[in-house]
N, C-alpha and C. Protein backbone atom coordinates (compact mmCIF):
# COMPACT_ATOMS: atom_id res chain seq x y z
N MET A 1 -4.64 -14.72 0.80
CA MET A 1 -5.14 -13.87 1.88
C MET A 1 -5.63 -12.60 1.40
N LYS A 2 -6.61 -12.08 1.97
CA LYS A 2 -7.00 -10.70 1.85
C LYS A 2 -6.63 -9.74 2.82
N ILE A 3 -6.06 -8.50 2.49
CA ILE A 3 -5.49 -7.66 3.36
C ILE A 3 -5.94 -6.24 3.05
N GLU A 4 -6.61 -5.55 3.88
CA GLU A 4 -7.22 -4.20 3.73
C GLU A 4 -6.30 -3.06 4.23
N LYS A 5 -6.22 -2.13 3.27
CA LYS A 5 -5.37 -1.00 3.70
C LYS A 5 -5.82 0.41 3.42
N LYS A 6 -5.45 1.44 3.95
CA LYS A 6 -5.94 2.74 3.58
C LYS A 6 -4.91 3.10 2.31
N CYS A 7 -5.71 4.11 1.44
CA CYS A 7 -5.01 4.39 0.31
C CYS A 7 -5.31 5.77 0.02
N TRP A 8 -4.40 6.68 0.06
CA TRP A 8 -4.56 8.28 -0.05
C TRP A 8 -5.08 8.47 -1.62
N PRO A 9 -5.88 9.61 -1.75
CA PRO A 9 -6.38 9.87 -2.99
C PRO A 9 -5.45 9.72 -4.25
N ARG A 10 -4.34 10.43 -4.04
CA ARG A 10 -3.52 10.53 -5.39
C ARG A 10 -3.00 9.05 -5.80
N GLN A 11 -2.59 8.32 -4.65
CA GLN A 11 -2.13 6.92 -5.04
C GLN A 11 -3.37 6.20 -5.65
N PHE A 12 -4.65 6.31 -5.04
CA PHE A 12 -5.62 5.61 -5.27
C PHE A 12 -5.98 5.92 -6.86
N ALA A 13 -6.01 7.17 -7.16
CA ALA A 13 -6.42 7.44 -8.40
C ALA A 13 -5.38 6.91 -9.50
N GLY A 14 -4.03 6.79 -9.29
CA GLY A 14 -3.08 6.23 -10.17
C GLY A 14 -3.26 4.69 -10.34
N LEU A 15 -3.74 4.08 -9.25
CA LEU A 15 -4.01 2.54 -9.30
C LEU A 15 -5.40 2.23 -10.03
N LEU A 16 -6.29 3.29 -9.84
CA LEU A 16 -7.42 3.06 -10.30
C LEU A 16 -7.53 3.29 -11.89
N ASN A 17 -6.77 4.30 -12.48
CA ASN A 17 -6.64 4.47 -13.83
C ASN A 17 -5.43 3.69 -14.58
N GLY A 18 -4.69 2.92 -13.90
CA GLY A 18 -3.70 2.00 -14.25
C GLY A 18 -2.38 2.65 -14.58
N THR A 19 -2.10 3.88 -14.16
CA THR A 19 -0.83 4.63 -14.59
C THR A 19 0.08 4.17 -13.38
N ARG A 20 -0.33 3.65 -12.31
CA ARG A 20 0.42 3.18 -11.16
C ARG A 20 0.43 1.68 -10.83
N LYS A 21 1.62 1.01 -10.82
CA LYS A 21 1.51 -0.35 -10.67
C LYS A 21 2.19 -0.92 -9.49
N LEU A 22 3.01 0.10 -8.87
CA LEU A 22 3.74 -0.15 -7.54
C LEU A 22 3.14 0.52 -6.46
N ASP A 23 3.41 -0.10 -5.21
CA ASP A 23 2.76 0.46 -3.87
C ASP A 23 3.92 0.31 -3.09
N LEU A 24 4.36 1.34 -2.24
CA LEU A 24 5.28 1.43 -1.10
C LEU A 24 4.57 1.19 0.11
N ARG A 25 4.75 0.28 0.89
CA ARG A 25 4.13 -0.05 2.12
C ARG A 25 5.11 -0.18 3.24
N LEU A 26 4.80 0.18 4.51
CA LEU A 26 5.72 -0.01 5.61
C LEU A 26 5.44 -1.58 5.90
N ALA A 27 6.44 -2.45 6.11
CA ALA A 27 6.34 -3.88 6.28
C ALA A 27 5.88 -4.24 7.73
N GLU A 28 4.70 -3.72 8.10
CA GLU A 28 4.35 -4.06 9.36
C GLU A 28 3.19 -5.14 9.38
N PHE A 29 3.02 -5.71 8.17
CA PHE A 29 2.14 -6.76 7.96
C PHE A 29 2.69 -7.70 6.87
N THR A 30 2.16 -8.95 7.07
CA THR A 30 2.52 -9.95 6.18
C THR A 30 1.97 -9.99 4.93
N VAL A 31 2.57 -10.07 3.82
CA VAL A 31 2.06 -10.05 2.60
C VAL A 31 2.81 -10.84 1.73
N LYS A 32 2.33 -11.77 0.61
CA LYS A 32 3.06 -12.49 -0.09
C LYS A 32 2.42 -12.61 -1.52
N LYS A 33 3.15 -13.07 -2.69
CA LYS A 33 2.66 -13.26 -3.86
C LYS A 33 1.42 -13.94 -3.82
N GLY A 34 0.37 -13.37 -4.54
CA GLY A 34 -0.89 -14.10 -4.68
C GLY A 34 -1.81 -13.49 -3.61
N ASP A 35 -1.63 -12.71 -2.76
CA ASP A 35 -2.46 -12.09 -1.68
C ASP A 35 -3.25 -11.10 -2.48
N THR A 36 -4.32 -10.64 -1.97
CA THR A 36 -5.35 -9.63 -2.54
C THR A 36 -5.28 -8.43 -1.70
N LEU A 37 -4.86 -7.38 -2.27
CA LEU A 37 -4.82 -6.28 -1.32
C LEU A 37 -6.10 -5.29 -1.61
N ILE A 38 -6.85 -5.15 -0.70
CA ILE A 38 -8.18 -4.23 -0.73
C ILE A 38 -7.82 -2.92 -0.23
N LEU A 39 -7.75 -2.03 -1.39
CA LEU A 39 -7.35 -0.59 -0.93
C LEU A 39 -8.63 0.28 -0.77
N ARG A 40 -8.65 0.97 0.28
CA ARG A 40 -9.86 1.68 0.75
C ARG A 40 -9.40 3.38 0.63
N GLU A 41 -9.96 4.07 -0.45
CA GLU A 41 -9.53 5.42 -0.44
C GLU A 41 -9.85 6.24 0.96
N TRP A 42 -8.65 6.90 1.39
CA TRP A 42 -8.74 7.67 2.76
C TRP A 42 -8.38 9.03 2.39
N ASP A 43 -9.21 9.84 2.81
CA ASP A 43 -8.98 11.40 2.54
C ASP A 43 -8.17 11.95 3.97
N PRO A 44 -7.05 12.29 3.83
CA PRO A 44 -6.29 12.82 5.02
C PRO A 44 -6.91 14.09 5.49
N LYS A 45 -7.45 14.75 4.64
CA LYS A 45 -7.96 16.32 4.98
C LYS A 45 -9.32 16.03 5.93
N THR A 46 -10.25 15.08 5.55
CA THR A 46 -11.40 14.81 6.15
C THR A 46 -11.32 13.83 7.23
N ARG A 47 -10.14 13.06 7.11
CA ARG A 47 -10.02 11.91 7.96
C ARG A 47 -11.23 10.80 7.91
N LYS A 48 -11.69 10.60 6.71
CA LYS A 48 -12.59 9.78 6.45
C LYS A 48 -12.37 8.95 5.17
N TYR A 49 -13.19 7.76 5.12
CA TYR A 49 -12.96 7.03 3.91
C TYR A 49 -14.00 7.47 2.75
N SER A 50 -13.57 7.59 1.59
CA SER A 50 -14.58 8.02 0.57
C SER A 50 -15.65 7.14 0.22
N GLY A 51 -15.43 5.94 0.52
CA GLY A 51 -16.31 4.84 0.06
C GLY A 51 -15.84 4.08 -1.12
N ARG A 52 -14.82 4.57 -1.91
CA ARG A 52 -14.20 3.95 -3.00
C ARG A 52 -13.29 2.85 -2.58
N GLU A 53 -13.10 1.67 -3.18
CA GLU A 53 -12.11 0.65 -2.96
C GLU A 53 -11.90 0.06 -4.20
N LEU A 54 -10.59 -0.46 -4.12
CA LEU A 54 -9.97 -1.22 -5.08
C LEU A 54 -9.55 -2.79 -4.80
N LYS A 55 -9.66 -3.69 -5.48
CA LYS A 55 -9.11 -4.95 -5.15
C LYS A 55 -7.92 -5.25 -6.09
N LYS A 56 -6.65 -5.63 -5.66
CA LYS A 56 -5.58 -5.56 -6.43
C LYS A 56 -4.73 -6.82 -6.08
N LYS A 57 -4.33 -7.59 -7.00
CA LYS A 57 -3.66 -9.02 -6.67
C LYS A 57 -2.10 -8.57 -6.55
N VAL A 58 -1.52 -9.13 -5.53
CA VAL A 58 -0.04 -8.84 -5.28
C VAL A 58 0.72 -9.86 -6.19
N SER A 59 1.49 -9.25 -7.23
CA SER A 59 2.19 -10.36 -8.21
C SER A 59 3.56 -10.54 -7.78
N GLU A 60 4.06 -9.55 -6.85
CA GLU A 60 5.52 -9.55 -6.39
C GLU A 60 5.76 -8.76 -5.05
N VAL A 61 6.59 -9.25 -4.27
CA VAL A 61 6.82 -8.47 -3.13
C VAL A 61 8.30 -8.23 -2.98
N LEU A 62 8.83 -7.12 -3.06
CA LEU A 62 10.38 -6.67 -3.10
C LEU A 62 10.68 -5.96 -1.65
N PRO A 63 11.15 -6.54 -0.70
CA PRO A 63 11.54 -5.93 0.57
C PRO A 63 12.72 -4.90 0.24
N VAL A 64 12.57 -3.80 0.99
CA VAL A 64 13.52 -2.64 0.93
C VAL A 64 13.81 -2.07 2.19
N ARG A 65 14.76 -1.35 2.65
CA ARG A 65 15.08 -0.72 3.79
C ARG A 65 14.90 0.81 3.88
N PRO A 66 15.21 1.31 5.07
CA PRO A 66 14.67 2.74 5.47
C PRO A 66 14.41 3.79 4.35
N ASP A 67 13.35 4.47 4.56
CA ASP A 67 12.97 5.62 3.75
C ASP A 67 12.94 6.89 4.82
N PRO A 68 13.44 8.11 4.58
CA PRO A 68 13.48 9.12 5.54
C PRO A 68 11.99 9.68 5.88
N TYR A 69 11.08 9.30 5.29
CA TYR A 69 9.71 9.95 5.59
C TYR A 69 9.18 9.19 6.79
N TYR A 70 9.50 7.97 7.20
CA TYR A 70 9.11 7.36 8.25
C TYR A 70 9.77 7.54 9.56
N ASP A 71 9.32 7.45 10.51
CA ASP A 71 10.04 7.37 11.96
C ASP A 71 11.16 6.38 11.73
N LYS A 72 12.56 6.86 12.04
CA LYS A 72 13.46 5.94 11.90
C LYS A 72 13.57 4.63 12.60
N LYS A 73 13.29 4.74 13.79
CA LYS A 73 13.12 3.34 14.75
C LYS A 73 12.14 2.41 13.88
N ILE A 74 10.82 2.88 13.61
CA ILE A 74 9.87 2.07 13.11
C ILE A 74 10.31 1.45 11.65
N ALA A 75 10.99 2.41 10.88
CA ALA A 75 11.40 1.90 9.60
C ALA A 75 12.40 0.85 9.54
N GLU A 76 13.29 1.25 10.66
CA GLU A 76 14.49 0.04 10.64
C GLU A 76 14.06 -1.12 11.15
N HIS A 77 13.06 -1.00 12.11
CA HIS A 77 12.50 -2.40 12.59
C HIS A 77 11.77 -3.18 11.78
N TYR A 78 10.72 -2.61 10.98
CA TYR A 78 9.99 -3.18 9.91
C TYR A 78 10.36 -3.18 8.57
N GLY A 79 11.37 -2.18 8.06
CA GLY A 79 11.61 -2.16 6.87
C GLY A 79 10.30 -1.74 5.79
N PHE A 80 10.38 -2.14 4.53
CA PHE A 80 9.34 -1.66 3.68
C PHE A 80 9.21 -2.70 2.69
N ASN A 81 8.03 -2.93 2.10
CA ASN A 81 7.62 -3.77 0.93
C ASN A 81 7.26 -2.86 -0.28
N VAL A 82 7.92 -3.08 -1.51
CA VAL A 82 7.33 -2.50 -2.77
C VAL A 82 6.59 -3.63 -3.17
N LEU A 83 5.26 -3.45 -3.42
CA LEU A 83 4.40 -4.39 -3.98
C LEU A 83 3.90 -4.04 -5.50
N LEU A 84 4.08 -5.05 -6.31
CA LEU A 84 3.63 -4.97 -7.81
C LEU A 84 2.38 -5.43 -7.80
N LEU A 85 1.17 -4.57 -8.19
CA LEU A 85 -0.08 -4.88 -8.20
C LEU A 85 -0.39 -5.05 -9.57
N GLU A 86 -1.45 -6.18 -9.75
CA GLU A 86 -2.00 -6.33 -11.16
C GLU A 86 -3.40 -5.73 -11.23
């Protein structure tokens, strides 16, 4: 399955140049090994897409629980997924 998501510039740059292989996502969508993640670079300052995008294959999904940066009720409800990308 193909899944499209926003990706902030710093994370996008790391995925683009290969220094980043993991992506932490709120588990509010279904994703499984073999899916294709289409990451569209999003600039939070301008609140617009840059026009750049990456396609990454999900090679592993590791569910984890709450992170203090998310609203506690949402985080506890959904949990998180750590995605290993190729």
